[in-house]
Amino acid sequence: MKILVVNCGSSSLKYQLLNMDDETLLAKGLCERIGIDGRLKHERGAEEFISDVPMPDHTAAIKVMLDALLSKEHGVIANINEIVAVGHRVVHGGEFFSDSVLINDAVEKALEDCSDMAPLHNPPNLLGIRASKKNLPGVPQVGVFDTAFHQTMPKKAYMYALPHKLYDTYKIRKYGFHGTSHKYVSMKAAEMLGRPYNKLKIITCHLGNGASICAIENGRSVDTSMGFTPLEGLVMGTRTGDIDAAIVPYLMEKEKLTAPQVIDMFNKKSGLLGLSGVSNDFRDIFQAKQDGNEQADEALEIYYYRVASYIGRYAAAMNGVDAVVFTAGLGENSSLLREKVCAYLGYLGVKIDSEKNSKRGKSMDFSADGATVRSMMVMTNEELVIARDTKDIVSKL
């Protein structure tokens, strides 16, 4: 069973084609600069193919992707009918969806209704869904939601201390994101530990340009750092994370900014970029620190501290923790970040082996002898989670 996974942004489209009989990756790629000019990066095993191809819209981008998968030179399928279903990453499902679903007109309408809560993400996700339907008529389309895994959070974790009528009317509450990643790495960690998933307390740290932490107790998300939107929580690449809400009207008055301008600042000009004045890329900031840039050094220390603080908060929420798991771009590739964060966690029973922690490219337990809480790095695979959910749904049709 071959399943296509699509992750659609406003001007880009990531894809993977997987054979779900043995969960092997057949090909993956990226269509970028959609609506500008268009570029395809397509990978089949170790082979990479790059081509400038006109992509005036997402429908054209899907066609370019399918042509690459069918190509005699670079493709992996002989006929389009080999694709039995398409799984779509959808960022915000609101309270409508607590699990992945087969997409129909009612689902599309619900995704439109959620767009106010994820204006940077849901509209492009919908474009990808509609473009896929146009290019692959009759092929089942499945929506897999970043928010779904967190629908098990109790009210005490997801409610904000606002007038209750705002929740009743607008469903303003914490939703959480990166759910497919948190789900995958926590299940993988349990497997690596050789312990039942439903009997563990795990804190997963998805640390990339966007970042979130999740408390997972007995296989269920019980709290997470992102909130109503992906802006809440940790310091991120360009996002503020947690701030005092009164800063919004203060900046509007002092800087003569509109609300959209403030939100744009919080989403695109803050975080590590704003703190360091250098970049949103951890590597650039670390190099600036090495060159004596004190502001870059400060930015890194704030980042480590915020991550460690959330881990402590969630250990308290679950009354204990069995494993702290790092994943995503920074979490997987920066041994320094893992070391700095874990240095705060000795009181929990975290103790790391520096030699093990220095390894890259493979999921691992880098705990030292005597540690009572495991420190782990698990390479995430959100696309595989999407493909698995898609397979489960279409197998029942």
Protein backbone atom coordinates (compact mmCIF):
# COMPACT_ATOMS: atom_id res chain seq x y z
CA MET A 1 0.00 0.00 0.00
CA LYS A 2 1.60 3.25 -1.16
CA ILE A 3 0.57 6.41 0.70
CA LEU A 4 1.52 9.96 -0.19
CA VAL A 5 2.07 12.38 2.69
CA VAL A 6 1.70 16.11 1.97
CA ASN A 7 2.68 19.02 4.23
CA CYS A 8 1.61 22.22 2.51
CA GLY A 9 2.78 25.75 3.38
CA SER A 10 1.89 29.09 1.82
CA SER A 11 4.68 28.92 -0.79
CA SER A 12 6.07 25.42 -0.30
CA LEU A 13 4.97 21.81 -0.29
CA LYS A 14 6.87 18.93 1.36
CA TYR A 15 6.02 15.38 0.38
CA GLN A 16 6.93 11.76 1.05
CA LEU A 17 5.77 8.57 -0.64
CA LEU A 18 5.87 5.55 1.65
CA ASN A 19 5.25 1.86 1.08
CA MET A 20 3.16 1.05 4.13
CA ASP A 21 3.49 -2.72 3.65
CA ASP A 22 6.90 -2.41 5.29
CA GLU A 23 6.92 1.34 6.18
CA THR A 24 9.79 2.13 3.82
CA LEU A 25 10.37 5.57 2.33
CA LEU A 26 10.30 5.45 -1.47
CA ALA A 27 10.88 9.12 -2.26
CA LYS A 28 10.58 12.56 -0.72
CA GLY A 29 10.86 16.13 -1.88
CA LEU A 30 10.07 19.79 -1.66
CA CYS A 31 8.23 22.09 -4.03
CA GLU A 32 9.20 25.65 -3.12
CA ARG A 33 8.69 29.21 -4.37
CA ILE A 34 5.09 28.34 -5.32
CA GLY A 35 3.40 31.39 -6.83
CA ILE A 36 6.77 33.01 -7.52
CA ASP A 37 8.62 30.85 -10.04
CA GLY A 38 8.98 27.32 -8.70
CA ARG A 39 11.72 24.89 -7.73
CA LEU A 40 11.58 21.13 -7.16
CA LYS A 41 13.97 19.19 -4.93
CA HIS A 42 13.27 15.46 -5.28
CA GLU A 43 15.12 12.65 -3.50
CA ARG A 44 15.09 8.93 -4.25
CA GLY A 45 17.43 7.18 -1.85
CA ALA A 46 20.85 8.84 -2.13
CA GLU A 47 19.93 10.44 -5.46
CA GLU A 48 18.81 14.09 -5.48
CA PHE A 49 17.22 15.86 -8.42
CA ILE A 50 16.75 19.66 -8.49
CA SER A 51 14.82 21.48 -11.19
CA ASP A 52 13.33 24.93 -11.78
CA VAL A 53 9.72 24.32 -12.82
CA PRO A 54 6.89 26.88 -13.08
CA MET A 55 4.49 26.53 -10.13
CA PRO A 56 1.94 29.33 -10.35
CA ASP A 57 -0.23 27.72 -7.66
CA HIS A 58 -0.53 24.66 -5.43
CA THR A 59 -2.44 22.65 -8.04
CA ALA A 60 0.54 23.07 -10.37
CA ALA A 61 2.93 22.13 -7.55
CA ILE A 62 1.02 18.89 -6.88
CA LYS A 63 1.23 18.09 -10.61
CA VAL A 64 5.00 18.71 -10.58
CA MET A 65 5.33 16.41 -7.55
CA LEU A 66 3.33 13.64 -9.22
CA ASP A 67 5.36 13.97 -12.43
CA ALA A 68 8.55 13.51 -10.38
CA LEU A 69 7.16 10.39 -8.69
CA LEU A 70 6.21 8.98 -12.12
CA SER A 71 9.41 10.04 -13.90
CA LYS A 72 11.34 7.27 -15.70
CA GLU A 73 14.62 8.85 -14.57
CA HIS A 74 13.81 9.77 -10.96
CA GLY A 75 10.45 8.23 -10.16
CA VAL A 76 9.38 5.32 -7.95
CA ILE A 77 5.96 4.39 -9.35
CA ALA A 78 4.84 3.35 -12.83
CA ASN A 79 1.21 4.40 -12.52
CA ILE A 80 -0.62 7.08 -10.56
CA ASN A 81 -3.12 4.46 -9.41
CA GLU A 82 -0.42 2.99 -7.15
CA ILE A 83 -1.12 5.87 -4.75
CA VAL A 84 -4.03 4.57 -2.68
CA ALA A 85 -4.44 7.57 -0.35
CA VAL A 86 -3.04 10.98 0.58
CA GLY A 87 -2.38 11.98 4.19
CA HIS A 88 -2.28 15.71 4.92
CA ARG A 89 -0.66 17.43 7.86
CA VAL A 90 -3.21 19.93 9.20
CA VAL A 91 -2.06 22.28 11.95
CA HIS A 92 -5.29 23.27 13.72
CA GLY A 93 -8.35 21.09 14.20
CA GLY A 94 -9.81 23.08 17.10
CA GLU A 95 -12.24 21.08 19.20
CA PHE A 96 -13.73 19.53 16.07
CA PHE A 97 -11.22 16.68 15.78
CA SER A 98 -9.69 14.45 18.43
CA ASP A 99 -8.33 12.04 15.84
CA SER A 100 -7.40 11.83 12.17
CA VAL A 101 -10.34 11.85 9.73
CA LEU A 102 -11.31 11.14 6.15
CA ILE A 103 -11.68 14.53 4.48
CA ASN A 104 -15.09 15.50 3.08
CA ASP A 105 -16.92 18.78 2.57
CA ALA A 106 -17.90 19.03 6.25
CA VAL A 107 -14.28 18.53 7.33
CA GLU A 108 -13.09 21.22 4.91
CA LYS A 109 -15.67 23.61 6.32
CA ALA A 110 -14.46 22.89 9.87
CA LEU A 111 -10.87 23.58 8.79
CA GLU A 112 -11.97 26.92 7.35
CA ASP A 113 -13.64 27.72 10.67
CA CYS A 114 -10.33 27.01 12.46
CA SER A 115 -8.33 29.29 10.16
CA ASP A 116 -8.69 32.31 12.46
CA MET A 117 -6.73 30.35 15.08
CA ALA A 118 -3.96 29.31 12.67
CA PRO A 119 -3.95 31.92 9.88
CA LEU A 120 -0.40 31.09 8.81
CA HIS A 121 -1.05 27.35 8.60
CA ASN A 122 -4.63 26.21 7.97
CA PRO A 123 -5.27 28.14 4.72
CA PRO A 124 -2.17 26.60 3.04
CA ASN A 125 -3.12 23.18 4.43
CA LEU A 126 -6.51 23.56 2.75
CA LEU A 127 -4.85 24.59 -0.50
CA GLY A 128 -2.86 21.35 -0.44
CA ILE A 129 -5.97 19.28 0.22
CA ARG A 130 -7.93 20.87 -2.62
CA ALA A 131 -5.00 20.68 -5.04
CA SER A 132 -4.56 16.98 -4.22
CA LYS A 133 -8.26 16.30 -4.81
CA LYS A 134 -8.02 18.02 -8.19
CA ASN A 135 -4.95 16.08 -9.31
CA LEU A 136 -5.98 12.76 -7.75
CA PRO A 137 -9.75 12.54 -8.18
CA GLY A 138 -11.35 9.70 -6.26
CA VAL A 139 -8.26 9.04 -4.11
CA PRO A 140 -9.11 9.20 -0.38
CA GLN A 141 -7.68 12.24 1.42
CA VAL A 142 -7.03 12.07 5.18
CA GLY A 143 -6.41 14.94 7.59
CA VAL A 144 -3.96 14.36 10.47
CA PHE A 145 -4.03 17.18 13.01
CA ASP A 146 -1.21 18.69 15.06
CA THR A 147 -3.79 19.43 17.75
CA ALA A 148 -5.48 16.00 17.93
CA PHE A 149 -2.99 14.29 20.25
CA HIS A 150 -3.53 17.03 22.84
CA GLN A 151 -7.31 16.63 23.00
CA THR A 152 -6.78 14.39 26.04
CA MET A 153 -5.64 17.39 28.13
CA PRO A 154 -7.87 17.99 31.16
CA LYS A 155 -9.70 21.30 31.53
CA LYS A 156 -7.37 22.41 34.32
CA ALA A 157 -4.54 22.35 31.75
CA TYR A 158 -6.25 23.84 28.71
CA MET A 159 -8.51 26.58 30.10
CA TYR A 160 -7.32 30.19 30.30
CA ALA A 161 -8.37 32.44 33.20
CA LEU A 162 -10.58 34.58 30.96
CA PRO A 163 -14.33 35.16 31.26
CA HIS A 164 -15.87 31.75 30.60
CA LYS A 165 -18.16 33.16 27.91
CA LEU A 166 -15.09 33.69 25.69
CA TYR A 167 -14.48 29.97 25.75
CA ASP A 168 -18.18 29.26 25.21
CA THR A 169 -18.41 31.67 22.27
CA TYR A 170 -15.00 31.51 20.59
CA LYS A 171 -13.45 28.32 22.01
CA ILE A 172 -10.45 30.27 23.29
CA ARG A 173 -8.34 27.66 25.07
CA LYS A 174 -5.00 25.88 24.85
CA TYR A 175 -4.87 23.45 21.92
CA GLY A 176 -1.21 22.52 21.55
CA PHE A 177 0.70 21.61 18.40
CA HIS A 178 3.42 19.24 17.10
CA GLY A 179 1.11 16.45 18.24
CA THR A 180 2.24 13.92 15.63
CA SER A 181 5.86 14.42 16.68
CA HIS A 182 5.15 14.19 20.42
CA LYS A 183 3.12 11.04 19.83
CA TYR A 184 5.76 9.35 17.69
CA VAL A 185 8.80 10.08 19.85
CA SER A 186 7.06 9.17 23.12
CA MET A 187 5.95 5.82 21.70
CA LYS A 188 9.44 5.22 20.31
CA ALA A 189 11.01 6.10 23.67
CA ALA A 190 8.78 3.57 25.44
CA GLU A 191 9.79 0.96 22.88
CA MET A 192 13.50 1.75 23.40
CA LEU A 193 13.05 1.50 27.18
CA GLY A 194 11.24 -1.82 26.83
CA ARG A 195 8.41 -0.59 29.04
CA PRO A 196 4.62 -0.29 28.49
CA TYR A 197 3.70 3.05 26.90
CA ASN A 198 0.59 3.31 29.04
CA LYS A 199 2.59 3.07 32.28
CA LEU A 200 5.18 5.80 31.71
CA LYS A 201 5.54 9.50 32.47
CA ILE A 202 7.41 11.07 29.56
CA ILE A 203 8.32 14.69 28.78
CA THR A 204 8.97 15.24 25.08
CA CYS A 205 10.87 18.30 23.86
CA HIS A 206 10.27 19.13 20.18
CA LEU A 207 12.97 21.76 19.67
CA GLY A 208 13.26 23.29 16.22
CA ASN A 209 12.58 26.74 14.79
CA GLY A 210 9.13 26.15 16.25
CA ALA A 211 9.33 24.43 19.63
CA SER A 212 7.04 22.85 22.19
CA ILE A 213 7.18 20.54 25.20
CA CYS A 214 4.58 17.95 26.13
CA ALA A 215 3.76 16.06 29.33
CA ILE A 216 2.63 12.54 28.42
CA GLU A 217 1.23 10.43 31.23
CA ASN A 218 0.25 6.82 30.54
CA GLY A 219 0.19 7.47 26.79
CA ARG A 220 -1.97 10.61 26.97
CA SER A 221 -1.03 14.25 26.52
CA VAL A 222 -1.90 15.99 29.80
CA ASP A 223 -0.28 19.38 29.09
CA THR A 224 1.79 21.10 26.43
CA SER A 225 3.54 24.44 26.05
CA MET A 226 1.94 25.83 22.87
CA GLY A 227 -1.52 27.25 23.36
CA PHE A 228 -4.42 28.81 21.44
CA THR A 229 -1.86 29.40 18.68
CA PRO A 230 1.74 28.21 18.13
CA LEU A 231 2.99 31.48 19.68
CA GLU A 232 2.68 30.49 23.35
CA GLY A 233 5.30 28.60 25.32
CA LEU A 234 9.03 28.34 24.72
CA VAL A 235 11.33 30.93 23.21
CA MET A 236 11.54 29.86 19.52
CA GLY A 237 13.46 30.85 16.43
CA THR A 238 11.45 33.99 15.71
CA ARG A 239 8.54 33.68 18.20
CA THR A 240 8.36 35.22 21.67
CA GLY A 241 6.85 32.33 23.56
CA ASP A 242 5.32 33.32 26.91
CA ILE A 243 5.07 37.06 27.62
CA ASP A 244 2.93 39.37 29.74
CA ALA A 245 -0.26 40.08 27.74
CA ALA A 246 -0.12 43.74 28.82
CA ILE A 247 2.90 44.18 26.53
CA VAL A 248 0.54 44.15 23.54
CA PRO A 249 -1.38 47.39 24.30
CA TYR A 250 1.80 48.95 25.71
CA LEU A 251 3.64 48.47 22.40
CA MET A 252 0.61 49.60 20.42
CA GLU A 253 0.63 52.87 22.33
CA LYS A 254 4.39 53.48 22.57
CA GLU A 255 5.37 52.33 19.07
CA LYS A 256 2.10 53.37 17.37
CA LEU A 257 1.56 49.83 16.09
CA THR A 258 -1.63 48.06 15.09
CA ALA A 259 -2.56 44.71 16.63
CA PRO A 260 -1.56 42.83 13.43
CA GLN A 261 1.82 44.58 13.47
CA VAL A 262 2.44 43.54 17.08
CA ILE A 263 1.49 39.95 16.32
CA ASP A 264 3.77 40.01 13.28
CA MET A 265 6.61 41.21 15.53
CA PHE A 266 5.90 38.46 18.07
CA ASN A 267 5.78 35.75 15.39
CA LYS A 268 8.53 36.79 12.97
CA LYS A 269 10.97 39.20 14.63
CA SER A 270 11.28 37.96 18.20
CA GLY A 271 12.55 34.77 19.85
CA LEU A 272 16.21 33.90 19.35
CA LEU A 273 16.37 36.31 16.41
CA GLY A 274 15.11 39.24 18.46
CA LEU A 275 17.15 38.41 21.56
CA SER A 276 20.45 37.79 19.78
CA GLY A 277 20.14 40.40 17.04
CA VAL A 278 22.02 37.86 14.92
CA SER A 279 19.83 35.09 13.54
CA ASN A 280 17.11 32.58 14.32
CA ASP A 281 19.58 29.78 13.51
CA PHE A 282 21.15 28.21 16.60
CA ARG A 283 24.42 27.61 14.75
CA ASP A 284 24.81 31.27 13.79
CA ILE A 285 24.05 32.38 17.34
CA PHE A 286 26.51 29.91 18.83
CA GLN A 287 29.21 31.12 16.45
CA ALA A 288 28.44 34.71 17.44
CA LYS A 289 28.81 33.70 21.08
CA GLN A 290 32.18 32.11 20.29
CA ASP A 291 33.18 35.40 18.66
CA GLY A 292 32.42 37.24 21.92
CA ASN A 293 28.88 38.48 21.25
CA GLU A 294 27.35 38.82 24.73
CA GLN A 295 23.82 39.30 23.37
CA ALA A 296 24.07 35.97 21.54
CA ASP A 297 25.32 34.31 24.74
CA GLU A 298 22.35 35.77 26.65
CA ALA A 299 19.89 34.52 24.03
CA LEU A 300 21.19 30.96 24.34
CA GLU A 301 21.07 30.99 28.13
CA ILE A 302 17.48 32.26 28.05
CA TYR A 303 16.58 29.45 25.65
CA TYR A 304 18.14 26.70 27.81
CA TYR A 305 16.51 28.12 30.94
CA ARG A 306 13.03 28.27 29.41
CA VAL A 307 13.22 24.67 28.18
CA ALA A 308 14.45 23.42 31.58
CA SER A 309 11.75 25.41 33.38
CA TYR A 310 8.99 23.78 31.36
CA ILE A 311 10.44 20.33 31.99
CA GLY A 312 10.34 21.03 35.74
CA ARG A 313 6.78 22.31 35.47
CA TYR A 314 5.61 19.15 33.72
CA ALA A 315 7.46 16.84 36.10
CA ALA A 316 5.41 18.53 38.83
CA ALA A 317 2.19 18.22 36.80
CA MET A 318 2.66 14.46 36.51
CA ASN A 319 4.14 14.04 40.02
CA GLY A 320 7.27 12.54 38.52
CA VAL A 321 8.90 11.66 35.22
CA ASP A 322 10.50 8.52 33.81
CA ALA A 323 12.17 9.98 30.71
CA VAL A 324 13.00 13.34 29.12
CA VAL A 325 13.11 13.04 25.34
CA PHE A 326 14.66 15.51 22.88
CA THR A 327 13.68 15.64 19.22
CA ALA A 328 13.41 17.80 16.05
CA GLY A 329 16.17 19.87 14.44
CA LEU A 330 17.82 21.29 17.55
CA GLY A 331 16.85 18.51 19.90
CA GLU A 332 18.31 15.87 17.60
CA ASN A 333 21.44 17.65 16.40
CA SER A 334 22.72 19.84 19.24
CA SER A 335 24.52 17.88 21.93
CA LEU A 336 25.36 21.22 23.58
CA LEU A 337 21.68 22.14 23.95
CA ARG A 338 20.89 18.75 25.50
CA GLU A 339 23.84 19.09 27.88
CA LYS A 340 22.90 22.64 28.94
CA VAL A 341 19.25 21.78 29.54
CA CYS A 342 20.03 18.57 31.41
CA ALA A 343 22.45 20.47 33.67
CA TYR A 344 19.35 22.04 35.28
CA LEU A 345 17.68 18.68 35.90
CA GLY A 346 19.90 16.92 38.40
CA TYR A 347 17.24 17.30 41.11
CA LEU A 348 14.96 15.08 39.02
CA GLY A 349 17.53 12.30 38.77
CA VAL A 350 18.85 13.25 35.32
CA LYS A 351 22.50 12.39 34.77
CA ILE A 352 24.01 12.25 31.29
CA ASP A 353 26.92 10.43 29.69
CA SER A 354 28.81 13.07 27.69
CA GLU A 355 30.31 10.56 25.26
CA LYS A 356 26.92 9.05 24.44
CA ASN A 357 25.40 12.53 24.15
CA SER A 358 28.01 13.54 21.55
CA LYS A 359 26.70 10.99 19.02
CA ARG A 360 24.48 12.03 16.11
CA GLY A 361 22.25 10.45 13.51
CA LYS A 362 20.66 7.73 15.62
CA SER A 363 18.06 7.64 18.38
CA MET A 364 19.70 6.93 21.73
CA ASP A 365 19.51 6.86 25.51
CA PHE A 366 22.39 9.06 26.66
CA SER A 367 21.84 8.62 30.39
CA ALA A 368 24.81 7.95 32.65
CA ASP A 369 25.02 5.09 35.12
CA GLY A 370 23.05 5.91 38.24
CA ALA A 371 20.49 8.13 36.50
CA THR A 372 16.97 7.56 37.82
CA VAL A 373 15.33 9.54 34.98
CA ARG A 374 16.34 8.60 31.45
CA SER A 375 17.68 11.25 29.06
CA MET A 376 16.95 10.34 25.44
CA MET A 377 17.18 11.63 21.89
CA VAL A 378 14.64 10.21 19.46
CA MET A 379 14.62 11.17 15.79
CA THR A 380 11.10 12.22 14.95
CA ASN A 381 9.11 10.97 11.98
CA GLU A 382 5.88 12.93 11.68
CA GLU A 383 5.34 11.72 8.11
CA LEU A 384 5.28 8.10 9.25
CA VAL A 385 2.62 8.93 11.88
CA ILE A 386 0.54 10.63 9.19
CA ALA A 387 0.96 7.64 6.86
CA ARG A 388 0.04 5.17 9.62
CA ASP A 389 -3.13 7.09 10.50
CA THR A 390 -4.02 7.36 6.82
CA LYS A 391 -3.52 3.62 6.32
CA ASP A 392 -5.72 2.82 9.33
CA ILE A 393 -8.55 4.99 8.00
CA VAL A 394 -8.50 3.87 4.35
CA SER A 395 -8.17 0.21 5.33
CA LYS A 396 -11.66 0.45 6.83
CA LEU A 397 -13.29 1.96 3.73
